[in-house]
Structure formats: structure tokens, C-alpha cells
Amino acid sequence: MRSTERRGGTGMKRGRSRWFGAAAALGALTLTACSSGIDAATPERIASTESEEPEESRPLPGFRDAPSVVLTEHYAGRPKAALDAQTAYLADHGGLTAYDLDTGEERWRTQPELPGRGAYSPDDIPSDDAERRQFVAGLDHLEAPLLTTVAGDEAVLVGHLIELGDGVGSSLLLADAADGAKLWEIELQSPAWETRAAAPSLYLNLVEEEELAVVTLGNGSYVAGGLEYHRYVVDLARGEVLYELDDEFAWAGTSGGVIYTQTRLASGGYGDLSALDAATGAELWRHSLTDRYATAYGPWLLVTSREDDAQLLRAEDQSVALDVGDGLDGVRNCVYEESLSTLVCAVHEEFVGVNETGEITWLVDAGEGYRTLQLANTYLYTDPHDVPAAIDPLTGETASDGFATTPDAVGPSGALFRESTTVGFHAAE
């Protein structure tokens, strides 16, 4: 591991207020859903509970049809970005650029010390649609940057796969959100990459309560086989690795300053679930599980089996809130909105809302096929029945629709949409 010191600047500037969406475990929030008989426009109410709005007013859920500003005309693939009210932090395979959302002008750019794998120039992007799709398919994995707060100041965490002299490596970089000054950079390499790098990947998860990040370096793929992960817990204030989690443990998520892992069995199944103190790695408790897989979502632990049975447990004491047969069997994935204390899951052909007491409060028909669901600004952005919409997690009701596609990234003042190679910012309305 190699570390580089901060370059330029004297300290992080004061941050700006923003809304945080809940982070999904290991990257994109993709939900599977199929057809049912419920009217897609009207949620079926299951419990007559009244949920209160958060004290701070919620951002507008919809966006203007036309872009307010164009950020770049030379972007390949789906934009990987984080947004606050004034700035879009857009990652590409070569670095990270901050764009002013009022003018579209570049505010600053930073990049890893060593070249990023797959870094391209505008001239490298094919103009032909088919050739461009092939070009994008050949690019390495790219993770979206994360906005966070370190010592009271706003910063941007970004990871890149990089070219090392002895093979594939990764760069983890923390930049001052105000001016892009590099606060620190460290380089990490998965043990598997040293001898047999195959389909390398990098994922980021924040443990904001402790100002930590979990960096997951992946190797192999579900298609090609040989899939394994190696994880590093990094102190964001100092840019130092505190400890590592090797491939003997499966990732089960993080919440409330706790990291959840699960033992991998020689049979290929999963064993006991452990809660670790994020700051030290010390085991807080262990819960016996056999051939069931657990994932943490806020205060909940979702436990599923190969037979598609599902339980929802309270993380604090592992007690059962929803048992097998109570409505989550066949669950594909969930997202949790902390500010609304609401869990939303994709269960067979429906989206299901669960309140803070563990009651299922609404169901929405999602239509057939796979559904991408993005949680941002306290809304769910998805496309039930192929109609892009923003859904209120509290009620299941449609808060806004009419935009042509689901947004690529959402912030408190608007969203990014890509058309061909052009990334534009569409203001909220």
C-alpha cells in the first residue's frame, strides 16, 4: 500500500447542506419485479398508519424536460456522480471533475497519481452507436464517488482501478469538495490481482457514524467464475487502513457504526452472522444462521434462504419483525431511507413498503421484468410498467412522473441524464 500526502490547500472548506440517500450494499440498487393484478398508479394500503413528514422540507421529486446546463459532451457509459445543491462530482475512468450546476463550467478536477485503467480522451469515443456500446462494454468497472463529511467539512471520496507496474491496483482518494485539493490518496491491491487479475472491480461503502469507508476489491465474475472479494476498512480523517476483512467472510452491509459479515462455509453456503465494531473490528455479537444469507438495511437484517423464504430481523436484538410467510418471501432486494424510517423491498412482482415498526404498509405493482430502483432525496426512482417515476417511500404513491428515462444521478436541486455522450443537468421542479 502506498500513500501520498495532500497537495495544495490548507484545509477542507465548510460544507453545504444536502440530503443523503441510503447507500445500497455494494453498488447499484437493482430490483427484480414481475406482474401482478394491483393498479400500478394506486398503492394497496395494508396498514392504516400515518407517517410524519421529516422536519426539514423534502426536495422536489421531478425534473425539467430540457437540461438547464450541459456538463460534458464526451462521456462514455452511464454517468457515475454525486450531487449536492450546487455541484456535480462526475467520475470518469481517468479522474473526478466538479461541475458548477448553475453554469455547467468545470470548477476543478483531480485524478489518481498513476493512470486510471480505461482512461479515455474525447477522440477515443466512437461516434457510431454500435461501436460505442462495444467500447463501453470493454471499460473496467467504475464506482460512483461518495459525498461525505470529515471533521465537519464536506469531502468527496472516489476510487479508481489503476495501472501498477506489477499489474492491476486501485486508488482511493479523498478530495476537498470546495476546491478539489487532494487530502490524501492511498493505493490498494487485492491479493488476487497480483497473480491472476480477472474482471477487477472496486466498491465503496461509508460508515458515516465513524468517518470510515469500506473498500471492496473484487476479482472474477459470476459468469467467468473465480469470484472473490477482499475488503479494507479505511479511516477517512487520516487515509489509513485500520484493518482488513478477507474472503473467508461474506459482506452483509453496514449501519449505525456496525459492520456485518457472514462466515463462508466450505460447502459454498453461509454460516453465522457477526456484528463488528466498525472502528476496531471487534466482534459485538454473533447470530447463528445455517444456509441463509443476511443483509443489513438500516435497523433491519433481511435473512433469506435458497428456497426464497425471508425473515426481517431487528438488528439490535435479532428478534423477528416479519417471519416466513408474512409478506417478504421471494424478496429480491431492499433499500432503506433513514430520514423516513422506511424500508422498501422488491418482492416477486411488487414493491413493498415497511414502516419503522416492521409493518407492511403498502404494495405497488411493478410490472414484469427487472426494475432498476434508485433511492435519492427521500424518493424512489424506478420504472414500474416501464414508466419512469418517483415514488414516495412513505405511501407508495407516485410523487412525479413524465420524465423520459430514470435519472443517472440525483441531487437536491436536480438530476443528471445522459443522451448519447452528453451529460446534462435537469433542474428539479
Protein backbone atom coordinates (compact mmCIF):
# COMPACT_ATOMS: atom_id res chain seq x y z
CA MET A 1 0.00 0.00 0.00
CA ARG A 2 1.36 3.43 -0.92
CA SER A 3 0.16 6.74 0.45
CA THR A 4 0.54 10.25 -0.93
CA GLU A 5 0.10 13.42 1.09
CA ARG A 6 -2.29 16.29 0.45
CA ARG A 7 -1.36 18.55 -2.45
CA GLY A 8 -2.30 22.18 -2.22
CA GLY A 9 -4.72 23.96 0.05
CA THR A 10 -4.59 24.45 3.80
CA GLY A 11 -7.69 22.60 4.91
CA MET A 12 -11.16 21.46 3.97
CA LYS A 13 -13.70 24.23 3.48
CA ARG A 14 -17.04 24.33 5.24
CA GLY A 15 -19.58 22.12 3.51
CA ARG A 16 -23.04 22.92 2.22
CA SER A 17 -26.28 21.39 3.41
CA ARG A 18 -27.51 18.44 1.37
CA TRP A 19 -29.78 15.39 1.52
CA PHE A 20 -28.23 11.94 1.81
CA GLY A 21 -29.94 8.88 0.33
CA ALA A 22 -29.32 5.49 1.93
CA ALA A 23 -26.44 3.55 0.33
CA ALA A 24 -27.19 0.15 -1.03
CA ALA A 25 -24.81 -2.67 -0.28
CA LEU A 26 -22.10 -2.98 -2.98
CA GLY A 27 -23.12 -0.61 -5.66
CA ALA A 28 -26.23 -0.24 -7.93
CA LEU A 29 -29.68 -0.64 -6.44
CA THR A 30 -31.28 -3.10 -8.84
CA LEU A 31 -34.61 -4.68 -8.04
CA THR A 32 -36.42 -7.55 -9.72
CA ALA A 33 -40.16 -7.41 -10.17
CA CYS A 34 -42.89 -9.22 -12.12
CA SER A 35 -46.53 -8.61 -12.96
CA SER A 36 -49.46 -8.62 -10.53
CA GLY A 37 -53.05 -7.51 -10.52
CA ILE A 38 -52.67 -4.33 -8.45
CA ASP A 39 -53.19 -0.97 -10.16
CA ALA A 40 -49.72 0.47 -10.70
CA ALA A 41 -50.94 4.04 -10.10
CA THR A 42 -52.56 3.35 -6.74
CA PRO A 43 -50.75 1.59 -3.87
CA GLU A 44 -52.66 -1.03 -1.95
CA ARG A 45 -52.73 0.07 1.68
CA ILE A 46 -52.04 -2.76 4.13
CA ALA A 47 -51.80 -0.87 7.43
CA SER A 48 -53.55 2.39 8.30
CA THR A 49 -50.53 4.02 9.89
CA GLU A 50 -49.92 7.74 9.48
CA SER A 51 -46.31 8.65 8.78
CA GLU A 52 -45.00 12.10 9.59
CA GLU A 53 -43.03 14.15 7.08
CA PRO A 54 -39.41 14.87 8.06
CA GLU A 55 -38.96 18.19 9.87
CA GLU A 56 -36.86 19.59 7.01
CA SER A 57 -38.90 20.04 3.81
CA ARG A 58 -38.22 17.44 1.16
CA PRO A 59 -36.69 18.31 -2.22
CA LEU A 60 -38.87 18.42 -5.33
CA PRO A 61 -39.17 14.92 -6.85
CA GLY A 62 -39.44 15.80 -10.58
CA PHE A 63 -37.16 17.36 -13.20
CA ARG A 64 -37.42 19.67 -16.20
CA ASP A 65 -37.62 18.03 -19.60
CA ALA A 66 -34.71 20.01 -21.05
CA PRO A 67 -31.27 20.31 -19.45
CA SER A 68 -30.54 23.53 -17.59
CA VAL A 69 -26.84 23.16 -18.41
CA VAL A 70 -24.64 20.66 -20.23
CA LEU A 71 -21.71 19.37 -18.20
CA THR A 72 -19.84 17.40 -20.85
CA GLU A 73 -20.39 16.14 -24.40
CA HIS A 74 -17.75 13.41 -24.14
CA TYR A 75 -18.82 10.78 -21.60
CA ALA A 76 -18.87 7.03 -22.23
CA GLY A 77 -21.34 4.85 -20.34
CA ARG A 78 -23.72 5.63 -17.52
CA PRO A 79 -22.61 8.70 -15.52
CA LYS A 80 -21.10 7.93 -12.12
CA ALA A 81 -21.69 11.01 -9.98
CA ALA A 82 -22.61 12.51 -6.62
CA LEU A 83 -24.52 15.80 -6.39
CA ASP A 84 -25.04 18.46 -3.78
CA ALA A 85 -27.18 21.57 -4.34
CA GLN A 86 -24.52 23.50 -6.28
CA THR A 87 -22.10 20.94 -7.73
CA ALA A 88 -21.98 17.66 -9.65
CA TYR A 89 -18.95 15.49 -8.88
CA LEU A 90 -18.62 13.33 -12.01
CA ALA A 91 -16.16 10.43 -12.12
CA ASP A 92 -14.66 9.01 -15.29
CA HIS A 93 -12.01 6.35 -15.72
CA GLY A 94 -9.24 8.91 -15.53
CA GLY A 95 -10.31 11.12 -12.63
CA LEU A 96 -13.02 13.22 -10.94
CA THR A 97 -14.41 16.54 -12.19
CA ALA A 98 -16.57 19.01 -10.25
CA TYR A 99 -19.08 20.99 -12.36
CA ASP A 100 -20.99 24.11 -11.34
CA LEU A 101 -24.71 23.32 -11.70
CA ASP A 102 -25.63 26.94 -12.45
CA THR A 103 -23.19 27.47 -15.31
CA GLY A 104 -22.04 23.97 -16.31
CA GLU A 105 -18.44 25.13 -16.00
CA GLU A 106 -15.68 22.95 -14.58
CA ARG A 107 -14.82 24.04 -11.04
CA TRP A 108 -11.93 21.64 -10.50
CA ARG A 109 -10.51 18.26 -11.50
CA THR A 110 -8.38 15.74 -9.65
CA GLN A 111 -7.03 12.37 -10.70
CA PRO A 112 -5.02 9.45 -9.30
CA GLU A 113 -1.26 9.73 -9.25
CA LEU A 114 -0.99 6.69 -11.51
CA PRO A 115 -3.00 6.29 -14.76
CA GLY A 116 -6.55 5.03 -14.44
CA ARG A 117 -7.40 1.80 -16.27
CA GLY A 118 -9.57 2.59 -19.25
CA ALA A 119 -8.95 6.36 -19.14
CA TYR A 120 -10.03 7.81 -22.49
CA SER A 121 -9.99 11.10 -24.37
CA PRO A 122 -12.94 12.54 -26.35
CA ASP A 123 -11.40 11.27 -29.60
CA ASP A 124 -11.38 7.71 -28.26
CA ILE A 125 -15.20 7.51 -28.03
CA PRO A 126 -16.68 6.06 -31.25
CA SER A 127 -19.40 8.13 -32.93
CA ASP A 128 -21.21 5.04 -34.22
CA ASP A 129 -23.78 3.77 -31.69
CA ALA A 130 -22.92 0.09 -32.03
CA GLU A 131 -19.19 0.73 -31.83
CA ARG A 132 -19.71 2.99 -28.83
CA ARG A 133 -21.69 0.30 -26.98
CA GLN A 134 -18.86 -2.14 -27.62
CA PHE A 135 -16.34 0.45 -26.38
CA VAL A 136 -18.32 0.99 -23.15
CA ALA A 137 -18.70 -2.77 -22.60
CA GLY A 138 -14.90 -3.09 -22.69
CA LEU A 139 -14.30 -0.48 -19.99
CA ASP A 140 -13.33 -1.54 -16.46
CA HIS A 141 -15.72 -1.21 -13.55
CA LEU A 142 -16.17 2.37 -12.30
CA GLU A 143 -17.73 3.19 -8.94
CA ALA A 144 -19.69 6.39 -8.25
CA PRO A 145 -17.98 8.88 -5.91
CA LEU A 146 -19.44 9.47 -2.45
CA LEU A 147 -20.09 12.76 -0.69
CA THR A 148 -19.29 12.63 3.00
CA THR A 149 -18.32 14.80 5.95
CA VAL A 150 -14.91 14.52 7.62
CA ALA A 151 -14.23 16.60 10.73
CA GLY A 152 -17.26 18.76 9.90
CA ASP A 153 -16.20 19.56 6.34
CA GLU A 154 -17.61 18.26 3.06
CA ALA A 155 -15.36 15.95 1.06
CA VAL A 156 -15.62 13.60 -1.93
CA LEU A 157 -14.38 10.01 -1.80
CA VAL A 158 -13.55 8.41 -5.14
CA GLY A 159 -11.96 5.11 -6.14
CA HIS A 160 -10.32 4.09 -9.41
CA LEU A 161 -8.73 0.99 -10.86
CA ILE A 162 -5.20 1.97 -11.85
CA GLU A 163 -2.21 0.59 -13.73
CA LEU A 164 0.54 -0.58 -11.40
CA GLY A 165 3.94 -1.70 -12.60
CA ASP A 166 3.19 -5.25 -11.41
CA GLY A 167 -0.44 -5.39 -12.58
CA VAL A 168 -3.81 -4.04 -11.50
CA GLY A 169 -4.17 -1.78 -8.50
CA SER A 170 -6.65 0.68 -7.06
CA SER A 171 -6.52 4.27 -5.91
CA LEU A 172 -8.66 5.64 -3.09
CA LEU A 173 -8.67 9.42 -2.97
CA LEU A 174 -10.33 11.98 -0.68
CA ALA A 175 -10.73 15.49 -2.13
CA ASP A 176 -11.93 18.73 -0.60
CA ALA A 177 -15.40 19.27 -2.09
CA ALA A 178 -14.90 23.04 -2.25
CA ASP A 179 -11.67 23.27 -4.25
CA GLY A 180 -10.66 19.71 -5.18
CA ALA A 181 -7.49 19.77 -3.10
CA LYS A 182 -6.28 16.20 -2.62
CA LEU A 183 -6.44 15.50 1.11
CA TRP A 184 -4.88 12.06 0.77
CA GLU A 185 -4.52 9.15 -1.64
CA ILE A 186 -3.71 5.52 -0.93
CA GLU A 187 -3.16 2.63 -3.31
CA LEU A 188 -4.53 -0.85 -2.58
CA GLN A 189 -4.11 -4.15 -4.37
CA SER A 190 -6.21 -7.27 -3.92
CA PRO A 191 -4.07 -10.37 -3.29
CA ALA A 192 -5.82 -12.00 -6.26
CA TRP A 193 -4.82 -9.17 -8.58
CA GLU A 194 -1.12 -9.82 -8.01
CA THR A 195 -1.19 -13.15 -9.85
CA ARG A 196 -4.49 -13.60 -11.68
CA ALA A 197 -6.43 -10.39 -12.14
CA ALA A 198 -9.74 -11.09 -13.88
CA ALA A 199 -12.63 -8.63 -14.21
CA PRO A 200 -11.34 -6.45 -11.35
CA SER A 201 -13.84 -4.24 -9.54
CA LEU A 202 -13.95 -1.68 -6.72
CA TYR A 203 -16.92 -0.78 -4.48
CA LEU A 204 -17.30 1.82 -1.73
CA ASN A 205 -19.46 1.89 1.40
CA LEU A 206 -19.48 4.63 4.01
CA VAL A 207 -19.67 4.16 7.77
CA GLU A 208 -20.53 7.80 8.38
CA GLU A 209 -21.05 7.46 12.12
CA GLU A 210 -17.35 6.63 12.47
CA GLU A 211 -15.97 8.58 9.45
CA LEU A 212 -14.84 5.32 7.89
CA ALA A 213 -15.13 3.71 4.48
CA VAL A 214 -15.16 0.05 3.50
CA VAL A 215 -13.34 -0.55 0.21
CA THR A 216 -14.20 -3.81 -1.54
CA LEU A 217 -11.83 -5.07 -4.22
CA GLY A 218 -13.39 -7.78 -6.36
CA ASN A 219 -11.92 -10.34 -8.71
CA GLY A 220 -13.58 -12.68 -11.18
CA SER A 221 -17.26 -12.66 -12.09
CA TYR A 222 -20.42 -14.68 -11.72
CA VAL A 223 -20.18 -15.56 -15.41
CA ALA A 224 -16.48 -16.41 -15.64
CA GLY A 225 -16.19 -17.82 -12.10
CA GLY A 226 -13.43 -17.33 -9.54
CA LEU A 227 -15.40 -14.58 -7.79
CA GLU A 228 -13.79 -13.34 -4.58
CA TYR A 229 -13.59 -10.15 -2.55
CA HIS A 230 -11.07 -8.51 -0.26
CA ARG A 231 -12.10 -5.61 1.98
CA TYR A 232 -10.26 -2.76 3.68
CA VAL A 233 -11.65 -0.52 6.43
CA VAL A 234 -10.18 2.96 5.96
CA ASP A 235 -10.02 5.90 8.38
CA LEU A 236 -11.23 8.87 6.30
CA ALA A 237 -9.58 11.51 8.50
CA ARG A 238 -6.09 10.02 8.14
CA GLY A 239 -6.27 7.98 4.96
CA GLU A 240 -5.08 4.83 6.73
CA VAL A 241 -6.21 1.23 6.59
CA LEU A 242 -7.36 0.19 10.06
CA TYR A 243 -7.88 -3.50 9.34
CA GLU A 244 -8.80 -5.96 6.58
CA LEU A 245 -11.59 -8.48 6.01
CA ASP A 246 -10.54 -11.39 3.82
CA ASP A 247 -12.60 -13.59 1.55
CA GLU A 248 -13.49 -16.03 4.36
CA PHE A 249 -16.27 -13.63 5.28
CA ALA A 250 -19.19 -12.54 3.11
CA TRP A 251 -20.28 -8.91 3.21
CA ALA A 252 -23.64 -8.30 4.87
CA GLY A 253 -23.63 -4.49 4.99
CA THR A 254 -23.07 -1.67 7.44
CA SER A 255 -25.35 0.51 9.54
CA GLY A 256 -25.18 2.54 12.73
CA GLY A 257 -21.41 2.23 13.14
CA VAL A 258 -21.58 -1.57 12.79
CA ILE A 259 -20.17 -3.78 10.02
CA TYR A 260 -21.97 -7.07 9.39
CA THR A 261 -20.16 -10.10 7.97
CA GLN A 262 -21.10 -13.72 7.49
CA THR A 263 -18.94 -16.82 7.57
CA ARG A 264 -18.41 -18.58 4.25
CA LEU A 265 -18.78 -22.37 4.54
CA ALA A 266 -16.68 -24.89 2.65
CA SER A 267 -19.91 -26.19 1.10
CA GLY A 268 -20.41 -22.83 -0.58
CA GLY A 269 -23.18 -21.76 1.78
CA TYR A 270 -23.17 -19.24 4.60
CA GLY A 271 -22.89 -19.62 8.36
CA ASP A 272 -23.02 -17.37 11.41
CA LEU A 273 -23.74 -13.66 11.11
CA SER A 274 -21.38 -11.39 13.06
CA ALA A 275 -21.68 -7.73 14.06
CA LEU A 276 -18.33 -5.94 14.23
CA ASP A 277 -17.46 -2.62 15.80
CA ALA A 278 -16.58 -0.64 12.67
CA ALA A 279 -13.78 1.32 14.35
CA THR A 280 -11.92 -1.68 15.77
CA GLY A 281 -13.20 -4.80 14.01
CA ALA A 282 -14.04 -6.37 17.38
CA GLU A 283 -16.98 -8.76 17.35
CA LEU A 284 -20.02 -7.36 19.18
CA TRP A 285 -22.29 -10.37 18.80
CA ARG A 286 -22.79 -13.49 16.70
CA HIS A 287 -26.11 -14.86 15.46
CA SER A 288 -26.41 -18.48 14.36
CA LEU A 289 -27.50 -18.92 10.73
CA THR A 290 -27.24 -22.01 8.55
CA ASP A 291 -27.51 -21.81 4.75
CA ARG A 292 -29.28 -18.48 4.99
CA TYR A 293 -27.95 -15.14 3.81
CA ALA A 294 -28.27 -11.87 5.73
CA THR A 295 -28.13 -8.25 4.54
CA ALA A 296 -28.31 -5.12 6.71
CA TYR A 297 -30.65 -2.24 5.82
CA GLY A 298 -30.66 0.49 8.46
CA PRO A 299 -32.02 -1.05 11.69
CA TRP A 300 -33.11 -4.24 9.88
CA LEU A 301 -31.49 -7.53 8.91
CA LEU A 302 -33.06 -9.29 5.95
CA VAL A 303 -32.45 -13.06 6.12
CA THR A 304 -33.22 -15.17 3.04
CA SER A 305 -32.84 -18.82 2.05
CA ARG A 306 -32.26 -20.64 -1.23
CA GLU A 307 -35.95 -21.53 -1.16
CA ASP A 308 -36.82 -17.79 -1.23
CA ASP A 309 -38.09 -17.77 2.35
CA ALA A 310 -37.48 -14.45 4.09
CA GLN A 311 -37.40 -13.03 7.61
CA LEU A 312 -36.95 -9.44 8.73
CA LEU A 313 -35.00 -9.19 11.99
CA ARG A 314 -34.36 -6.22 14.26
CA ALA A 315 -30.61 -5.68 14.21
CA GLU A 316 -30.47 -4.51 17.84
CA ASP A 317 -31.58 -7.86 19.29
CA GLN A 318 -32.09 -10.14 16.27
CA SER A 319 -35.79 -10.54 17.14
CA VAL A 320 -38.24 -11.32 14.32
CA ALA A 321 -40.35 -8.46 12.95
CA LEU A 322 -41.65 -10.30 9.86
CA ASP A 323 -41.44 -14.09 9.74
CA VAL A 324 -41.51 -16.53 6.84
CA GLY A 325 -44.91 -16.20 5.19
CA ASP A 326 -45.51 -12.64 6.45
CA GLY A 327 -45.04 -10.93 3.09
CA LEU A 328 -41.35 -10.79 2.17
CA ASP A 329 -40.85 -14.31 0.77
CA GLY A 330 -39.32 -14.08 -2.67
CA VAL A 331 -37.66 -10.74 -1.90
CA ARG A 332 -35.02 -9.66 -4.42
CA ASN A 333 -33.54 -6.57 -2.78
CA CYS A 334 -34.36 -3.72 -0.43
CA VAL A 335 -33.39 -0.09 0.16
CA TYR A 336 -33.72 1.91 3.37
CA GLU A 337 -34.47 5.64 3.70
CA GLU A 338 -33.15 6.69 7.10
CA SER A 339 -34.82 10.12 7.24
CA LEU A 340 -38.23 8.49 6.73
CA SER A 341 -37.51 5.32 8.75
CA THR A 342 -38.88 3.36 5.80
CA LEU A 343 -37.77 0.13 4.12
CA VAL A 344 -38.81 -0.68 0.55
CA CYS A 345 -38.34 -4.16 -0.93
CA ALA A 346 -38.95 -5.79 -4.28
CA VAL A 347 -40.96 -8.96 -3.67
CA HIS A 348 -41.85 -11.02 -6.75
CA GLU A 349 -43.95 -8.63 -8.86
CA GLU A 350 -44.43 -5.87 -6.29
CA PHE A 351 -42.68 -3.12 -4.40
CA VAL A 352 -43.42 -3.39 -0.68
CA GLY A 353 -43.20 -0.62 1.94
CA VAL A 354 -42.30 -1.44 5.56
CA ASN A 355 -42.59 1.14 8.34
CA GLU A 356 -40.40 1.67 11.40
CA THR A 357 -42.30 -0.90 13.48
CA GLY A 358 -41.91 -3.64 10.89
CA GLU A 359 -45.42 -3.47 9.40
CA ILE A 360 -46.00 -3.76 5.66
CA THR A 361 -47.95 -0.58 4.89
CA TRP A 362 -48.30 -0.58 1.08
CA LEU A 363 -47.82 -2.61 -2.11
CA VAL A 364 -47.27 -1.30 -5.65
CA ASP A 365 -47.43 -3.39 -8.82
CA ALA A 366 -44.07 -3.18 -10.59
CA GLY A 367 -44.78 -4.99 -13.84
CA GLU A 368 -42.78 -7.77 -15.42
CA GLY A 369 -39.01 -7.88 -15.69
CA TYR A 370 -36.05 -6.38 -13.90
CA ARG A 371 -36.52 -2.94 -12.36
CA THR A 372 -33.73 -0.52 -11.51
CA LEU A 373 -34.55 1.39 -8.34
CA GLN A 374 -32.56 4.39 -7.16
CA LEU A 375 -33.05 5.95 -3.72
CA ALA A 376 -32.26 9.68 -3.53
CA ASN A 377 -33.71 12.83 -1.97
CA THR A 378 -36.12 10.65 0.05
CA TYR A 379 -37.75 9.31 -3.15
CA LEU A 380 -37.51 6.07 -5.09
CA TYR A 381 -36.73 6.49 -8.78
CA THR A 382 -37.83 3.46 -10.78
CA ASP A 383 -39.94 2.46 -13.79
CA PRO A 384 -42.98 0.35 -12.88
CA HIS A 385 -44.53 -0.95 -16.09
CA ASP A 386 -41.70 0.79 -17.99
CA VAL A 387 -42.93 4.24 -16.93
CA PRO A 388 -40.19 6.22 -15.13
CA ALA A 389 -41.49 7.66 -11.87
CA ALA A 390 -40.55 8.97 -8.45
CA ILE A 391 -42.35 7.05 -5.70
CA ASP A 392 -42.86 8.26 -2.14
CA PRO A 393 -41.46 5.54 0.17
CA LEU A 394 -43.86 6.58 2.93
CA THR A 395 -47.03 5.90 0.98
CA GLY A 396 -46.12 4.12 -2.27
CA GLU A 397 -47.83 6.91 -4.20
CA THR A 398 -46.33 8.40 -7.36
CA ALA A 399 -44.75 11.74 -6.45
CA SER A 400 -43.71 12.63 -10.01
CA ASP A 401 -43.57 11.07 -13.46
CA GLY A 402 -43.34 12.13 -17.08
CA PHE A 403 -39.54 12.12 -17.45
CA ALA A 404 -38.28 10.10 -20.39
CA THR A 405 -35.87 7.82 -18.51
CA THR A 406 -34.87 7.19 -14.93
CA PRO A 407 -32.14 9.64 -13.84
CA ASP A 408 -28.49 8.63 -13.78
CA ALA A 409 -27.77 10.57 -10.57
CA VAL A 410 -30.00 12.70 -8.34
CA GLY A 411 -29.22 15.64 -6.06
CA PRO A 412 -31.26 18.11 -4.01
CA SER A 413 -31.56 20.61 -6.88
CA GLY A 414 -31.95 18.27 -9.85
CA ALA A 415 -30.62 15.23 -11.68
CA LEU A 416 -28.15 14.13 -14.34
CA PHE A 417 -29.37 12.47 -17.53
CA ARG A 418 -27.18 11.19 -20.36
CA GLU A 419 -28.16 11.32 -24.01
CA SER A 420 -25.62 9.59 -26.24
CA THR A 421 -22.31 11.02 -24.96
CA THR A 422 -23.77 14.24 -23.49
CA VAL A 423 -24.41 14.59 -19.75
CA GLY A 424 -26.86 17.32 -18.83
CA PHE A 425 -28.24 18.64 -15.53
CA HIS A 426 -32.03 18.91 -15.33
CA ALA A 427 -33.25 21.22 -12.58
CA ALA A 428 -35.83 19.96 -10.11
CA GLU A 429 -39.44 21.02 -10.44
